Amino acid sequence: MEQQKESKKRKNSKVKGSGFEGTIAKKLTAALQPLNFMRTPGSGARVGGKNFDTLGQMLGEDALKVFVGDVVPVNERKEGLKFNHVLECKFYASQDTFTLLASGSAKLFGWFEEVVVDAAKLDKNPLLIFKWNHTPIFVALDTMHKHAPRVAQKPCFSILTYGDNPRALDIFYLDELLKEQSFWFQPTI
């Protein structure tokens, strides 16, 4: 009986995550015209994490753009634009506590490390889009990352981490950040 509950919980969380990725794709498409976005086929399962060593290295750059991250633009070349980021999307029920954030052990940091690994595959900026139940949608940006674009607005808050992988994460509201199109993409030359 316990295994059945665990399987159902995993299935429901997978559906929740897939739905959130679809929501983000629609939101980005509406706000960042002329780019169109879609949820990545398999959402990172094909070339994400350890799978990159097997399948990912066999793919060309154009194929990687479709499979790396959770949500991707599908018409960059056609529109003559370059999307600046690799996106990781997370939607969880319970929020990280202040204590977890302060100690550096919050889920948020692990989520961000996932997108850092994927962004390196395409030499782009890692961007985490996340929310918890009953919260707005947030975006985490590492201002210390070599590809981090400038943002005109002030973040909601910032988190500095230390140690082996120091980060300066600025957290923004997604709806506010979508107003800055130059943050998201640039013309190709």
Foldseek 3Di string as FASTA:
>chain_A
DVVVVVVVVVVVQVVVQQVVLQVVQVVLVVLQPPWHKDFAVVAQPCCFDPNCVPRVVVDDLLVLQRRQAGMHTDCCPVVQKDFQEHEHEEEEADDFDPVCLVVVNTVVNVSQVRQVVRCVSNVGFYKYWYDHPPDAIKIKGFPPDPSQDDDPDAAPDWGFDDDPDTTTIGMHGPVVRSVPNVRTMDGHD
